[in-house]
Every structure is written in structure tokens, then in C-alpha cells.
């Protein structure tokens, strides 16, 4: 290990220790704790007021729009499944009709021969 690397490791260790002490001091500070708690409480009250205002104006919230989007995707998927089933049935019905037409043609051919 070179002297420069040794110095960088020592500097890094001291910086980490200083940051740790600063973070701990901030966490232990009751004034900062109260300020953060008040800010989070105010944010929650603002969100509740926003939801109440949007509800009073009969406007959907982001959650309502997301729920509707999920339901619409689900409905779209089910509709695609129904369309595929109808296509399958249509192909099967076409095959059955072709088979019946072949049988009818053979029957007419045998009936028309003396």
C-alpha cells in the first residue's frame, strides 16, 4: 500500500466517522425530530384536504384512475380472449360445413347414378 493510498483510507475513515457523528446528532436532536414529525403531519393533512376537495368537485383521484386503468386492461384482455374463442369456433364451423358439403356432394353423386 502506497503512502497516498494510506492517506486516502485514513481520510475516508475520518470522513465516515464525522458523517456518522453528524447523523447521530441530527437524529438525537429533539427540535429536528419535532420539525420532521410536524412536516410529515402537515403533508398528510394536505393530502386529505386535496382528496376532500377533489371528491367535492367530483374529480377522480390518481388512485381512482389507476384502479380504472387496471379494470380496463382486465376487460380488454377478456375481450381479446372472447374474440379468439369466436375465431376458433368460426374456423371449426367452417370445417364442419366443408365436411358436410363434401358428404352431400358424394351422396348426390351416388344417388344420381343409375
N, C-alpha and C. Protein backbone atom coordinates (compact mmCIF):
# COMPACT_ATOMS: atom_id res chain seq x y z
N UNK A 1 0.86 -1.17 0.00
CA UNK A 1 0.00 0.00 0.00
C UNK A 1 0.91 1.23 0.00
N UNK A 2 0.63 2.14 -0.91
CA UNK A 2 1.46 3.35 -1.00
C UNK A 2 1.03 4.35 0.06
N UNK A 3 1.87 5.33 0.24
CA UNK A 3 1.58 6.38 1.23
C UNK A 3 0.30 7.13 0.88
N UNK A 4 0.09 7.41 -0.44
CA UNK A 4 -1.12 8.13 -0.88
C UNK A 4 -2.38 7.30 -0.59
N UNK A 5 -2.31 6.00 -0.84
CA UNK A 5 -3.46 5.14 -0.57
C UNK A 5 -3.75 5.10 0.94
N UNK A 6 -2.66 5.03 1.73
CA UNK A 6 -2.80 5.02 3.18
C UNK A 6 -3.46 6.30 3.67
N UNK A 7 -3.05 7.41 3.10
CA UNK A 7 -3.63 8.72 3.46
C UNK A 7 -5.11 8.78 3.05
N UNK A 8 -5.44 8.27 1.86
CA UNK A 8 -6.83 8.30 1.39
C UNK A 8 -7.72 7.43 2.29
N UNK A 9 -7.23 6.26 2.68
CA UNK A 9 -8.00 5.39 3.57
C UNK A 9 -8.24 6.07 4.92
N UNK A 10 -7.21 6.73 5.43
CA UNK A 10 -7.36 7.43 6.71
C UNK A 10 -8.33 8.58 6.60
N UNK A 11 -8.24 9.33 5.51
CA UNK A 11 -9.16 10.46 5.29
C UNK A 11 -10.59 9.95 5.14
N UNK A 12 -10.75 8.84 4.39
CA UNK A 12 -12.08 8.27 4.18
C UNK A 12 -12.66 7.82 5.52
N UNK A 13 -11.87 7.18 6.34
CA UNK A 13 -12.34 6.70 7.64
C UNK A 13 -12.74 7.87 8.53
N UNK A 14 -11.96 8.93 8.54
CA UNK A 14 -12.31 10.10 9.36
C UNK A 14 -13.58 10.77 8.84
N UNK A 15 -13.72 10.83 7.51
CA UNK A 15 -14.93 11.44 6.92
C UNK A 15 -16.17 10.62 7.28
N UNK A 16 -16.06 9.30 7.19
CA UNK A 16 -17.19 8.44 7.55
C UNK A 16 -17.56 8.59 9.01
N UNK A 17 -16.55 8.69 9.86
CA UNK A 17 -16.80 8.86 11.29
C UNK A 17 -17.47 10.20 11.56
N UNK A 18 -17.01 11.25 10.88
CA UNK A 18 -17.61 12.58 11.07
C UNK A 18 -19.06 12.59 10.59
N UNK A 19 -19.31 11.97 9.45
CA UNK A 19 -20.68 11.91 8.94
C UNK A 19 -21.58 11.11 9.87
N UNK A 20 -21.06 10.02 10.40
CA UNK A 20 -21.83 9.21 11.34
C UNK A 20 -22.18 9.99 12.59
N UNK A 21 -21.22 10.74 13.11
CA UNK A 21 -21.48 11.56 14.30
C UNK A 21 -22.50 12.65 14.00
N UNK A 22 -22.38 13.27 12.82
CA UNK A 22 -23.34 14.32 12.44
C UNK A 22 -24.75 13.73 12.32
N UNK A 23 -24.86 12.59 11.66
CA UNK A 23 -26.17 11.94 11.50
C UNK A 23 -26.76 11.59 12.86
N UNK A 24 -25.93 11.06 13.75
CA UNK A 24 -26.42 10.71 15.08
C UNK A 24 -26.88 11.95 15.85
N UNK A 25 -26.13 13.03 15.71
CA UNK A 25 -26.52 14.28 16.38
C UNK A 25 -27.85 14.79 15.85
N UNK A 26 -28.05 14.69 14.55
CA UNK A 26 -29.33 15.12 13.96
C UNK A 26 -30.47 14.24 14.42
N UNK A 27 -30.23 12.94 14.48
CA UNK A 27 -31.28 12.01 14.92
C UNK A 27 -31.65 12.27 16.38
N UNK A 28 -30.64 12.56 17.21
CA UNK A 28 -30.88 12.78 18.64
C UNK A 28 -31.45 14.16 18.95
N UNK A 29 -31.45 15.06 17.99
CA UNK A 29 -31.91 16.43 18.22
C UNK A 29 -33.43 16.45 18.30
N UNK A 30 -34.01 16.78 19.45
CA UNK A 30 -35.47 16.77 19.59
C UNK A 30 -36.14 17.85 18.74
N UNK A 31 -35.49 18.95 18.53
CA UNK A 31 -36.08 20.02 17.71
C UNK A 31 -36.23 19.55 16.27
N UNK A 32 -35.19 18.93 15.73
CA UNK A 32 -35.27 18.41 14.36
C UNK A 32 -36.32 17.32 14.27
N UNK A 33 -36.36 16.45 15.28
CA UNK A 33 -37.36 15.37 15.30
C UNK A 33 -38.77 15.95 15.27
N UNK A 34 -39.01 16.95 16.08
CA UNK A 34 -40.34 17.59 16.12
C UNK A 34 -40.67 18.26 14.78
N UNK A 35 -39.67 18.89 14.17
CA UNK A 35 -39.89 19.56 12.88
C UNK A 35 -40.24 18.55 11.79
N UNK A 36 -39.52 17.44 11.75
CA UNK A 36 -39.80 16.41 10.75
C UNK A 36 -41.18 15.81 10.99
N UNK A 37 -41.52 15.54 12.24
CA UNK A 37 -42.83 14.99 12.57
C UNK A 37 -43.94 15.96 12.16
N UNK A 38 -43.75 17.24 12.43
CA UNK A 38 -44.75 18.25 12.06
C UNK A 38 -44.88 18.34 10.54
N UNK A 39 -43.76 18.27 9.83
CA UNK A 39 -43.80 18.34 8.36
C UNK A 39 -44.55 17.15 7.78
N UNK A 40 -44.29 15.96 8.32
CA UNK A 40 -44.99 14.78 7.83
C UNK A 40 -46.48 14.85 8.15
N UNK A 41 -46.82 15.36 9.33
CA UNK A 41 -48.23 15.52 9.70
C UNK A 41 -48.92 16.52 8.78
N UNK A 42 -48.23 17.61 8.47
CA UNK A 42 -48.81 18.62 7.58
C UNK A 42 -49.01 18.05 6.18
N UNK A 43 -48.06 17.25 5.74
CA UNK A 43 -48.19 16.62 4.42
C UNK A 43 -49.42 15.72 4.38
N UNK A 44 -49.62 14.93 5.42
CA UNK A 44 -50.78 14.04 5.48
C UNK A 44 -52.09 14.83 5.47
N UNK A 45 -52.13 15.92 6.23
CA UNK A 45 -53.33 16.76 6.25
C UNK A 45 -53.58 17.40 4.90
N UNK A 46 -52.51 17.81 4.22
CA UNK A 46 -52.66 18.41 2.88
C UNK A 46 -53.21 17.39 1.89
N UNK A 47 -52.74 16.15 1.98
CA UNK A 47 -53.27 15.10 1.10
C UNK A 47 -54.74 14.83 1.37
N UNK A 48 -55.12 14.81 2.65
CA UNK A 48 -56.53 14.60 3.00
C UNK A 48 -57.39 15.74 2.47
N UNK A 49 -56.90 16.99 2.60
CA UNK A 49 -57.64 18.14 2.10
C UNK A 49 -57.76 18.08 0.58
N UNK A 50 -56.70 17.66 -0.09
CA UNK A 50 -56.74 17.53 -1.55
C UNK A 50 -57.77 16.49 -1.97
N UNK A 51 -57.78 15.36 -1.28
CA UNK A 51 -58.75 14.32 -1.61
C UNK A 51 -60.17 14.80 -1.36
N UNK A 52 -60.39 15.52 -0.28
CA UNK A 52 -61.73 16.04 0.03
C UNK A 52 -62.16 17.04 -1.04
N UNK A 53 -61.25 17.92 -1.46
CA UNK A 53 -61.59 18.91 -2.49
C UNK A 53 -61.91 18.22 -3.81
N UNK A 54 -61.10 17.25 -4.19
CA UNK A 54 -61.35 16.54 -5.45
C UNK A 54 -62.66 15.77 -5.39
N UNK A 55 -62.95 15.21 -4.23
CA UNK A 55 -64.21 14.49 -4.07
C UNK A 55 -65.39 15.45 -4.16
N UNK A 56 -65.26 16.62 -3.54
CA UNK A 56 -66.34 17.61 -3.58
C UNK A 56 -66.59 18.09 -5.00
N UNK A 57 -65.54 18.15 -5.81
CA UNK A 57 -65.68 18.56 -7.21
C UNK A 57 -66.01 17.40 -8.13
N UNK A 58 -66.17 16.22 -7.52
CA UNK A 58 -66.48 15.00 -8.27
C UNK A 58 -65.40 14.67 -9.30
N UNK A 59 -64.13 14.89 -8.91
CA UNK A 59 -62.99 14.56 -9.76
C UNK A 59 -62.32 13.29 -9.22
N UNK A 60 -61.89 12.41 -10.11
CA UNK A 60 -61.25 11.18 -9.65
C UNK A 60 -59.84 11.45 -9.15
N UNK A 61 -59.43 10.67 -8.18
CA UNK A 61 -58.05 10.77 -7.68
C UNK A 61 -57.14 9.92 -8.56
N UNK A 62 -55.84 10.04 -8.35
CA UNK A 62 -54.89 9.22 -9.10
C UNK A 62 -55.15 7.74 -8.83
N UNK A 63 -55.50 7.41 -7.60
CA UNK A 63 -55.80 6.02 -7.24
C UNK A 63 -57.03 5.52 -8.00
N UNK A 64 -58.05 6.39 -8.11
CA UNK A 64 -59.25 6.01 -8.86
C UNK A 64 -58.91 5.76 -10.33
N UNK A 65 -58.09 6.63 -10.90
CA UNK A 65 -57.70 6.47 -12.31
C UNK A 65 -56.89 5.20 -12.51
N UNK A 66 -55.97 4.90 -11.60
CA UNK A 66 -55.17 3.68 -11.69
C UNK A 66 -56.05 2.45 -11.58
N UNK A 67 -57.01 2.48 -10.67
CA UNK A 67 -57.93 1.34 -10.50
C UNK A 67 -58.75 1.14 -11.77
N UNK A 68 -59.23 2.23 -12.35
CA UNK A 68 -60.00 2.15 -13.59
C UNK A 68 -59.12 1.62 -14.73
N UNK A 69 -57.87 2.06 -14.76
CA UNK A 69 -56.95 1.59 -15.80
C UNK A 69 -56.72 0.08 -15.68
N UNK A 70 -56.56 -0.43 -14.46
CA UNK A 70 -56.38 -1.87 -14.25
C UNK A 70 -57.62 -2.64 -14.70
N UNK A 71 -58.79 -2.11 -14.33
CA UNK A 71 -60.04 -2.79 -14.72
C UNK A 71 -60.22 -2.79 -16.24
N UNK A 72 -59.83 -1.67 -16.88
CA UNK A 72 -59.95 -1.58 -18.33
C UNK A 72 -59.00 -2.56 -19.02
N UNK A 73 -57.78 -2.70 -18.48
CA UNK A 73 -56.84 -3.68 -19.04
C UNK A 73 -57.39 -5.08 -18.89
N UNK A 74 -57.95 -5.38 -17.72
CA UNK A 74 -58.52 -6.70 -17.48
C UNK A 74 -59.68 -6.97 -18.45
N UNK A 75 -60.53 -5.98 -18.62
CA UNK A 75 -61.67 -6.12 -19.55
C UNK A 75 -61.16 -6.33 -20.97
N UNK A 76 -60.16 -5.57 -21.35
CA UNK A 76 -59.59 -5.68 -22.70
C UNK A 76 -59.04 -7.07 -22.93
N UNK A 77 -58.34 -7.63 -21.93
CA UNK A 77 -57.79 -8.98 -22.05
C UNK A 77 -58.90 -10.00 -22.19
N UNK A 78 -59.96 -9.86 -21.39
CA UNK A 78 -61.08 -10.79 -21.50
C UNK A 78 -61.75 -10.69 -22.87
N UNK A 79 -61.88 -9.47 -23.38
CA UNK A 79 -62.48 -9.27 -24.70
C UNK A 79 -61.62 -9.93 -25.78
N UNK A 80 -60.30 -9.82 -25.67
CA UNK A 80 -59.42 -10.48 -26.63
C UNK A 80 -59.60 -11.99 -26.56
N UNK A 81 -59.73 -12.54 -25.34
CA UNK A 81 -59.95 -13.98 -25.19
C UNK A 81 -61.25 -14.41 -25.85
N UNK A 82 -62.31 -13.61 -25.69
CA UNK A 82 -63.60 -13.92 -26.32
C UNK A 82 -63.47 -13.87 -27.84
N UNK A 83 -62.77 -12.86 -28.35
CA UNK A 83 -62.56 -12.75 -29.80
C UNK A 83 -61.82 -13.97 -30.34
N UNK A 84 -60.80 -14.44 -29.62
CA UNK A 84 -60.06 -15.62 -30.04
C UNK A 84 -60.96 -16.85 -30.04
N UNK A 85 -61.80 -16.97 -29.02
CA UNK A 85 -62.71 -18.12 -28.94
C UNK A 85 -63.70 -18.08 -30.10
N UNK A 86 -64.20 -16.90 -30.43
CA UNK A 86 -65.13 -16.77 -31.57
C UNK A 86 -64.43 -17.14 -32.87
N UNK A 87 -63.18 -16.70 -33.03
CA UNK A 87 -62.42 -17.06 -34.24
C UNK A 87 -62.23 -18.57 -34.33
N UNK A 88 -61.91 -19.21 -33.20
CA UNK A 88 -61.75 -20.67 -33.19
C UNK A 88 -63.05 -21.36 -33.57
N UNK A 89 -64.16 -20.91 -32.99
CA UNK A 89 -65.46 -21.50 -33.31
C UNK A 89 -65.82 -21.30 -34.78
N UNK A 90 -65.49 -20.13 -35.29
CA UNK A 90 -65.76 -19.84 -36.70
C UNK A 90 -64.98 -20.77 -37.61
N UNK A 91 -63.71 -21.00 -37.29
CA UNK A 91 -62.90 -21.93 -38.10
C UNK A 91 -63.46 -23.36 -38.01
N UNK A 92 -63.83 -23.77 -36.79
CA UNK A 92 -64.39 -25.11 -36.62
C UNK A 92 -65.71 -25.25 -37.37
N UNK A 93 -66.55 -24.24 -37.32
CA UNK A 93 -67.82 -24.28 -38.04
C UNK A 93 -67.58 -24.35 -39.54
N UNK A 94 -66.59 -23.60 -40.04
CA UNK A 94 -66.26 -23.66 -41.47
C UNK A 94 -65.79 -25.05 -41.86
N UNK A 95 -64.99 -25.69 -41.02
CA UNK A 95 -64.52 -27.05 -41.31
C UNK A 95 -65.69 -28.03 -41.33
N UNK A 96 -66.61 -27.90 -40.37
CA UNK A 96 -67.79 -28.78 -40.33
C UNK A 96 -68.64 -28.58 -41.57
N UNK A 97 -68.83 -27.35 -41.98
CA UNK A 97 -69.64 -27.08 -43.18
C UNK A 97 -68.98 -27.66 -44.43
N UNK A 98 -67.65 -27.55 -44.52
CA UNK A 98 -66.97 -28.13 -45.68
C UNK A 98 -67.13 -29.65 -45.70
N UNK A 99 -67.01 -30.28 -44.53
CA UNK A 99 -67.20 -31.73 -44.45
C UNK A 99 -68.62 -32.12 -44.86
N UNK A 100 -69.59 -31.37 -44.39
CA UNK A 100 -71.00 -31.66 -44.75
C UNK A 100 -71.22 -31.46 -46.24
N UNK A 101 -70.59 -30.44 -46.80
CA UNK A 101 -70.74 -30.19 -48.24
C UNK A 101 -70.13 -31.35 -49.04
N UNK A 102 -68.98 -31.87 -48.59
CA UNK A 102 -68.35 -32.99 -49.28
C UNK A 102 -69.25 -34.23 -49.19
N UNK A 103 -69.80 -34.48 -48.01
CA UNK A 103 -70.68 -35.64 -47.84
C UNK A 103 -71.93 -35.50 -48.70
N UNK A 104 -72.50 -34.29 -48.77
CA UNK A 104 -73.70 -34.06 -49.59
C UNK A 104 -73.37 -34.27 -51.05
N UNK A 105 -72.20 -33.81 -51.48
CA UNK A 105 -71.81 -33.97 -52.88
C UNK A 105 -71.65 -35.44 -53.22
N UNK A 106 -71.03 -36.22 -52.33
CA UNK A 106 -70.86 -37.66 -52.57
C UNK A 106 -72.22 -38.36 -52.61
N UNK A 107 -73.12 -37.95 -51.70
CA UNK A 107 -74.44 -38.57 -51.63
C UNK A 107 -75.23 -38.28 -52.90
N UNK A 108 -75.17 -37.05 -53.39
CA UNK A 108 -75.88 -36.70 -54.62
C UNK A 108 -75.29 -37.44 -55.80
N UNK A 109 -73.99 -37.62 -55.80
CA UNK A 109 -73.32 -38.32 -56.89
C UNK A 109 -73.75 -39.77 -56.93
N UNK A 110 -73.83 -40.40 -55.74
CA UNK A 110 -74.25 -41.80 -55.71
C UNK A 110 -75.73 -41.94 -56.01
N UNK A 111 -76.55 -40.99 -55.64
CA UNK A 111 -78.00 -41.04 -55.90
C UNK A 111 -78.30 -40.77 -57.38
N UNK A 112 -77.48 -39.99 -58.04
CA UNK A 112 -77.76 -39.64 -59.43
C UNK A 112 -77.28 -40.73 -60.38
N UNK A 113 -76.46 -41.66 -59.95
CA UNK A 113 -76.01 -42.75 -60.80
C UNK A 113 -77.07 -43.85 -60.83
N UNK A 114 -77.39 -44.40 -62.03
CA UNK A 114 -78.43 -45.45 -62.13
C UNK A 114 -77.99 -46.78 -61.66
